[in-house]
Amino acid sequence: MGLIRSYFSFVCGTICGVYVAQSYNVPNIEKVAQAAYSMAKQMEERYRKTKTKSMEDFQD
């Protein structure tokens, strides 16, 4: 009985997830994450401070 009780919420969540995925237009999370990563990378490159001579001296 303990095994059924411990996996009950997992099974219910899986069944609900399958139903939602089949019934509704759910976006592909991998594509959304890749788009957000590329946008963040572009923003970082655009607004990154340029290195100056004095900053390079401190890093060595």
PDB file of N, CA and C in Angstrom:
ATOM      1  N   MET A   1       0.815  -1.196   0.000  1.00  0.00           N
ATOM      2  CA  MET A   1       0.000   0.000   0.000  1.00  0.00           C
ATOM      3  C   MET A   1       0.859   1.260   0.000  1.00  0.00           C
ATOM      4  N   GLY A   2       2.031   1.194   0.605  1.00  0.00           N
ATOM      5  CA  GLY A   2       2.905   2.358   0.651  1.00  0.00           C
ATOM      6  C   GLY A   2       3.431   2.739  -0.717  1.00  0.00           C
ATOM      7  N   LEU A   3       3.678   1.748  -1.566  1.00  0.00           N
ATOM      8  CA  LEU A   3       4.189   2.011  -2.910  1.00  0.00           C
ATOM      9  C   LEU A   3       3.148   2.749  -3.749  1.00  0.00           C
ATOM     10  N   ILE A   4       1.905   2.337  -3.656  1.00  0.00           N
ATOM     11  CA  ILE A   4       0.833   2.994  -4.408  1.00  0.00           C
ATOM     12  C   ILE A   4       0.646   4.424  -3.911  1.00  0.00           C
ATOM     13  N   ARG A   5       0.706   4.608  -2.608  1.00  0.00           N
ATOM     14  CA  ARG A   5       0.509   5.933  -2.023  1.00  0.00           C
ATOM     15  C   ARG A   5       1.633   6.889  -2.417  1.00  0.00           C
ATOM     16  N   SER A   6       2.859   6.377  -2.520  1.00  0.00           N
ATOM     17  CA  SER A   6       3.982   7.252  -2.850  1.00  0.00           C
ATOM     18  C   SER A   6       3.995   7.643  -4.322  1.00  0.00           C
ATOM     19  N   TYR A   7       3.487   6.822  -5.198  1.00  0.00           N
ATOM     20  CA  TYR A   7       3.500   7.124  -6.629  1.00  0.00           C
ATOM     21  C   TYR A   7       2.180   7.671  -7.151  1.00  0.00           C
ATOM     22  N   PHE A   8       1.196   7.850  -6.284  1.00  0.00           N
ATOM     23  CA  PHE A   8      -0.116   8.311  -6.724  1.00  0.00           C
ATOM     24  C   PHE A   8      -0.059   9.692  -7.366  1.00  0.00           C
ATOM     25  N   SER A   9       0.626  10.636  -6.730  1.00  0.00           N
ATOM     26  CA  SER A   9       0.691  11.987  -7.286  1.00  0.00           C
ATOM     27  C   SER A   9       1.493  12.011  -8.590  1.00  0.00           C
ATOM     28  N   PHE A  10       2.539  11.190  -8.695  1.00  0.00           N
ATOM     29  CA  PHE A  10       3.317  11.111  -9.934  1.00  0.00           C
ATOM     30  C   PHE A  10       2.458  10.581 -11.079  1.00  0.00           C
ATOM     31  N   VAL A  11       1.694   9.540 -10.829  1.00  0.00           N
ATOM     32  CA  VAL A  11       0.844   8.960 -11.869  1.00  0.00           C
ATOM     33  C   VAL A  11      -0.252   9.942 -12.268  1.00  0.00           C
ATOM     34  N   CYS A  12      -0.868  10.598 -11.305  1.00  0.00           N
ATOM     35  CA  CYS A  12      -1.912  11.581 -11.624  1.00  0.00           C
ATOM     36  C   CYS A  12      -1.336  12.740 -12.430  1.00  0.00           C
ATOM     37  N   GLY A  13      -0.152  13.213 -12.067  1.00  0.00           N
ATOM     38  CA  GLY A  13       0.487  14.297 -12.811  1.00  0.00           C
ATOM     39  C   GLY A  13       0.833  13.889 -14.229  1.00  0.00           C
ATOM     40  N   THR A  14       1.292  12.667 -14.398  1.00  0.00           N
ATOM     41  CA  THR A  14       1.614  12.167 -15.734  1.00  0.00           C
ATOM     42  C   THR A  14       0.370  12.073 -16.599  1.00  0.00           C
ATOM     43  N   ILE A  15      -0.689  11.556 -16.042  1.00  0.00           N
ATOM     44  CA  ILE A  15      -1.943  11.424 -16.799  1.00  0.00           C
ATOM     45  C   ILE A  15      -2.485  12.801 -17.177  1.00  0.00           C
ATOM     46  N   CYS A  16      -2.461  13.747 -16.243  1.00  0.00           N
ATOM     47  CA  CYS A  16      -2.931  15.110 -16.544  1.00  0.00           C
ATOM     48  C   CYS A  16      -2.038  15.776 -17.591  1.00  0.00           C
ATOM     49  N   GLY A  17      -0.732  15.557 -17.509  1.00  0.00           N
ATOM     50  CA  GLY A  17       0.193  16.130 -18.485  1.00  0.00           C
ATOM     51  C   GLY A  17      -0.037  15.594 -19.882  1.00  0.00           C
ATOM     52  N   VAL A  18      -0.282  14.311 -19.985  1.00  0.00           N
ATOM     53  CA  VAL A  18      -0.565  13.711 -21.293  1.00  0.00           C
ATOM     54  C   VAL A  18      -1.863  14.278 -21.861  1.00  0.00           C
ATOM     55  N   TYR A  19      -2.876  14.406 -21.022  1.00  0.00           N
ATOM     56  CA  TYR A  19      -4.152  14.959 -21.483  1.00  0.00           C
ATOM     57  C   TYR A  19      -3.990  16.388 -21.985  1.00  0.00           C
ATOM     58  N   VAL A  20      -3.287  17.223 -21.229  1.00  0.00           N
ATOM     59  CA  VAL A  20      -3.097  18.619 -21.618  1.00  0.00           C
ATOM     60  C   VAL A  20      -2.287  18.720 -22.902  1.00  0.00           C
ATOM     61  N   ALA A  21      -1.249  17.895 -23.027  1.00  0.00           N
ATOM     62  CA  ALA A  21      -0.408  17.932 -24.222  1.00  0.00           C
ATOM     63  C   ALA A  21      -1.181  17.526 -25.469  1.00  0.00           C
ATOM     64  N   GLN A  22      -2.119  16.599 -25.329  1.00  0.00           N
ATOM     65  CA  GLN A  22      -2.887  16.148 -26.486  1.00  0.00           C
ATOM     66  C   GLN A  22      -4.060  17.070 -26.812  1.00  0.00           C
ATOM     67  N   SER A  23      -4.601  17.729 -25.806  1.00  0.00           N
ATOM     68  CA  SER A  23      -5.817  18.512 -26.007  1.00  0.00           C
ATOM     69  C   SER A  23      -5.558  19.981 -26.331  1.00  0.00           C
ATOM     70  N   TYR A  24      -4.442  20.519 -25.881  1.00  0.00           N
ATOM     71  CA  TYR A  24      -4.174  21.943 -26.034  1.00  0.00           C
ATOM     72  C   TYR A  24      -2.874  22.168 -26.793  1.00  0.00           C
ATOM     73  N   ASN A  25      -2.712  23.373 -27.318  1.00  0.00           N
ATOM     74  CA  ASN A  25      -1.507  23.732 -28.053  1.00  0.00           C
ATOM     75  C   ASN A  25      -0.447  24.209 -27.055  1.00  0.00           C
ATOM     76  N   VAL A  26       0.372  23.279 -26.589  1.00  0.00           N
ATOM     77  CA  VAL A  26       1.394  23.573 -25.600  1.00  0.00           C
ATOM     78  C   VAL A  26       2.700  23.859 -26.334  1.00  0.00           C
ATOM     79  N   PRO A  27       3.391  24.989 -26.025  1.00  0.00           N
ATOM     80  CA  PRO A  27       4.631  25.308 -26.732  1.00  0.00           C
ATOM     81  C   PRO A  27       5.753  24.341 -26.374  1.00  0.00           C
ATOM     82  N   ASN A  28       6.674  24.190 -27.300  1.00  0.00           N
ATOM     83  CA  ASN A  28       7.832  23.336 -27.071  1.00  0.00           C
ATOM     84  C   ASN A  28       8.801  24.078 -26.145  1.00  0.00           C
ATOM     85  N   ILE A  29       9.008  23.548 -24.964  1.00  0.00           N
ATOM     86  CA  ILE A  29       9.812  24.219 -23.944  1.00  0.00           C
ATOM     87  C   ILE A  29      11.265  24.342 -24.390  1.00  0.00           C
ATOM     88  N   GLU A  30      11.782  23.366 -25.103  1.00  0.00           N
ATOM     89  CA  GLU A  30      13.175  23.410 -25.544  1.00  0.00           C
ATOM     90  C   GLU A  30      13.406  24.591 -26.491  1.00  0.00           C
ATOM     91  N   LYS A  31      12.485  24.822 -27.407  1.00  0.00           N
ATOM     92  CA  LYS A  31      12.624  25.949 -28.336  1.00  0.00           C
ATOM     93  C   LYS A  31      12.522  27.281 -27.612  1.00  0.00           C
ATOM     94  N   VAL A  32      11.629  27.373 -26.646  1.00  0.00           N
ATOM     95  CA  VAL A  32      11.477  28.606 -25.875  1.00  0.00           C
ATOM     96  C   VAL A  32      12.751  28.883 -25.078  1.00  0.00           C
ATOM     97  N   ALA A  33      13.320  27.848 -24.468  1.00  0.00           N
ATOM     98  CA  ALA A  33      14.544  28.015 -23.678  1.00  0.00           C
ATOM     99  C   ALA A  33      15.717  28.425 -24.571  1.00  0.00           C
ATOM    100  N   GLN A  34      15.830  27.833 -25.747  1.00  0.00           N
ATOM    101  CA  GLN A  34      16.911  28.201 -26.661  1.00  0.00           C
ATOM    102  C   GLN A  34      16.770  29.636 -27.141  1.00  0.00           C
ATOM    103  N   ALA A  35      15.548  30.064 -27.412  1.00  0.00           N
ATOM    104  CA  ALA A  35      15.318  31.446 -27.838  1.00  0.00           C
ATOM    105  C   ALA A  35      15.678  32.423 -26.721  1.00  0.00           C
ATOM    106  N   ALA A  36      15.309  32.100 -25.493  1.00  0.00           N
ATOM    107  CA  ALA A  36      15.635  32.976 -24.363  1.00  0.00           C
ATOM    108  C   ALA A  36      17.140  33.028 -24.140  1.00  0.00           C
ATOM    109  N   TYR A  37      17.816  31.896 -24.287  1.00  0.00           N
ATOM    110  CA  TYR A  37      19.273  31.858 -24.118  1.00  0.00           C
ATOM    111  C   TYR A  37      19.972  32.698 -25.180  1.00  0.00           C
ATOM    112  N   SER A  38      19.528  32.585 -26.422  1.00  0.00           N
ATOM    113  CA  SER A  38      20.173  33.358 -27.489  1.00  0.00           C
ATOM    114  C   SER A  38      19.915  34.856 -27.317  1.00  0.00           C
ATOM    115  N   MET A  39      18.721  35.227 -26.857  1.00  0.00           N
ATOM    116  CA  MET A  39      18.437  36.642 -26.615  1.00  0.00           C
ATOM    117  C   MET A  39      19.286  37.180 -25.470  1.00  0.00           C
ATOM    118  N   ALA A  40      19.458  36.394 -24.419  1.00  0.00           N
ATOM    119  CA  ALA A  40      20.286  36.822 -23.292  1.00  0.00           C
ATOM    120  C   ALA A  40      21.747  36.959 -23.715  1.00  0.00           C
ATOM    121  N   LYS A  41      22.206  36.058 -24.554  1.00  0.00           N
ATOM    122  CA  LYS A  41      23.582  36.111 -25.039  1.00  0.00           C
ATOM    123  C   LYS A  41      23.808  37.352 -25.901  1.00  0.00           C
ATOM    124  N   GLN A  42      22.847  37.683 -26.755  1.00  0.00           N
ATOM    125  CA  GLN A  42      22.949  38.880 -27.576  1.00  0.00           C
ATOM    126  C   GLN A  42      22.958  40.145 -26.723  1.00  0.00           C
ATOM    127  N   MET A  43      22.118  40.195 -25.697  1.00  0.00           N
ATOM    128  CA  MET A  43      22.072  41.358 -24.806  1.00  0.00           C
ATOM    129  C   MET A  43      23.400  41.515 -24.068  1.00  0.00           C
ATOM    130  N   GLU A  44      23.976  40.403 -23.623  1.00  0.00           N
ATOM    131  CA  GLU A  44      25.256  40.471 -22.918  1.00  0.00           C
ATOM    132  C   GLU A  44      26.344  40.998 -23.836  1.00  0.00           C
ATOM    133  N   GLU A  45      26.406  40.502 -25.064  1.00  0.00           N
ATOM    134  CA  GLU A  45      27.430  40.945 -26.002  1.00  0.00           C
ATOM    135  C   GLU A  45      27.241  42.413 -26.376  1.00  0.00           C
ATOM    136  N   ARG A  46      26.012  42.852 -26.455  1.00  0.00           N
ATOM    137  CA  ARG A  46      25.739  44.230 -26.841  1.00  0.00           C
ATOM    138  C   ARG A  46      26.119  45.209 -25.731  1.00  0.00           C
ATOM    139  N   TYR A  47      25.855  44.877 -24.497  1.00  0.00           N
ATOM    140  CA  TYR A  47      26.070  45.812 -23.394  1.00  0.00           C
ATOM    141  C   TYR A  47      27.299  45.499 -22.545  1.00  0.00           C
ATOM    142  N   ARG A  48      28.146  44.595 -22.981  1.00  0.00           N
ATOM    143  CA  ARG A  48      29.357  44.261 -22.238  1.00  0.00           C
ATOM    144  C   ARG A  48      30.324  45.433 -22.274  1.00  0.00           C
ATOM    145  N   LYS A  49      30.949  45.698 -21.133  1.00  0.00           N
ATOM    146  CA  LYS A  49      31.935  46.771 -21.078  1.00  0.00           C
ATOM    147  C   LYS A  49      33.185  46.323 -21.818  1.00  0.00           C
ATOM    148  N   THR A  50      33.800  47.249 -22.526  1.00  0.00           N
ATOM    149  CA  THR A  50      35.028  46.923 -23.231  1.00  0.00           C
ATOM    150  C   THR A  50      36.198  46.965 -22.256  1.00  0.00           C
ATOM    151  N   LYS A  51      37.176  46.108 -22.490  1.00  0.00           N
ATOM    152  CA  LYS A  51      38.345  46.079 -21.628  1.00  0.00           C
ATOM    153  C   LYS A  51      39.263  47.250 -21.964  1.00  0.00           C
ATOM    154  N   THR A  52      39.780  47.860 -20.939  1.00  0.00           N
ATOM    155  CA  THR A  52      40.730  48.951 -21.127  1.00  0.00           C
ATOM    156  C   THR A  52      42.112  48.472 -20.722  1.00  0.00           C
ATOM    157  N   LYS A  53      43.097  49.260 -21.001  1.00  0.00           N
ATOM    158  CA  LYS A  53      44.484  48.906 -20.678  1.00  0.00           C
ATOM    159  C   LYS A  53      44.665  48.716 -19.171  1.00  0.00           C
ATOM    160  N   SER A  54      44.051  49.577 -18.365  1.00  0.00           N
ATOM    161  CA  SER A  54      44.217  49.479 -16.914  1.00  0.00           C
ATOM    162  C   SER A  54      43.544  48.222 -16.367  1.00  0.00           C
ATOM    163  N   MET A  55      42.423  47.783 -16.949  1.00  0.00           N
ATOM    164  CA  MET A  55      41.760  46.577 -16.490  1.00  0.00           C
ATOM    165  C   MET A  55      42.596  45.343 -16.803  1.00  0.00           C
ATOM    166  N   GLU A  56      43.269  45.330 -17.943  1.00  0.00           N
ATOM    167  CA  GLU A  56      44.104  44.190 -18.298  1.00  0.00           C
ATOM    168  C   GLU A  56      45.293  44.055 -17.370  1.00  0.00           C
ATOM    169  N   ASP A  57      45.828  45.182 -16.885  1.00  0.00           N
ATOM    170  CA  ASP A  57      46.950  45.143 -15.945  1.00  0.00           C
ATOM    171  C   ASP A  57      46.549  44.482 -14.626  1.00  0.00           C
ATOM    172  N   PHE A  58      45.327  44.718 -14.163  1.00  0.00           N
ATOM    173  CA  PHE A  58      44.877  44.134 -12.907  1.00  0.00           C
ATOM    174  C   PHE A  58      44.646  42.637 -13.033  1.00  0.00           C
ATOM    175  N   GLN A  59      44.282  42.134 -14.199  1.00  0.00           N
ATOM    176  CA  GLN A  59      44.002  40.720 -14.378  1.00  0.00           C
ATOM    177  C   GLN A  59      45.255  39.885 -14.466  1.00  0.00           C
ATOM    178  N   ASP A  60      46.375  40.430 -14.847  1.00  0.00           N
ATOM    179  CA  ASP A  60      47.616  39.646 -14.987  1.00  0.00           C
ATOM    180  C   ASP A  60      48.257  39.359 -13.674  1.00  0.00           C
TER     181      ASP A  60
END
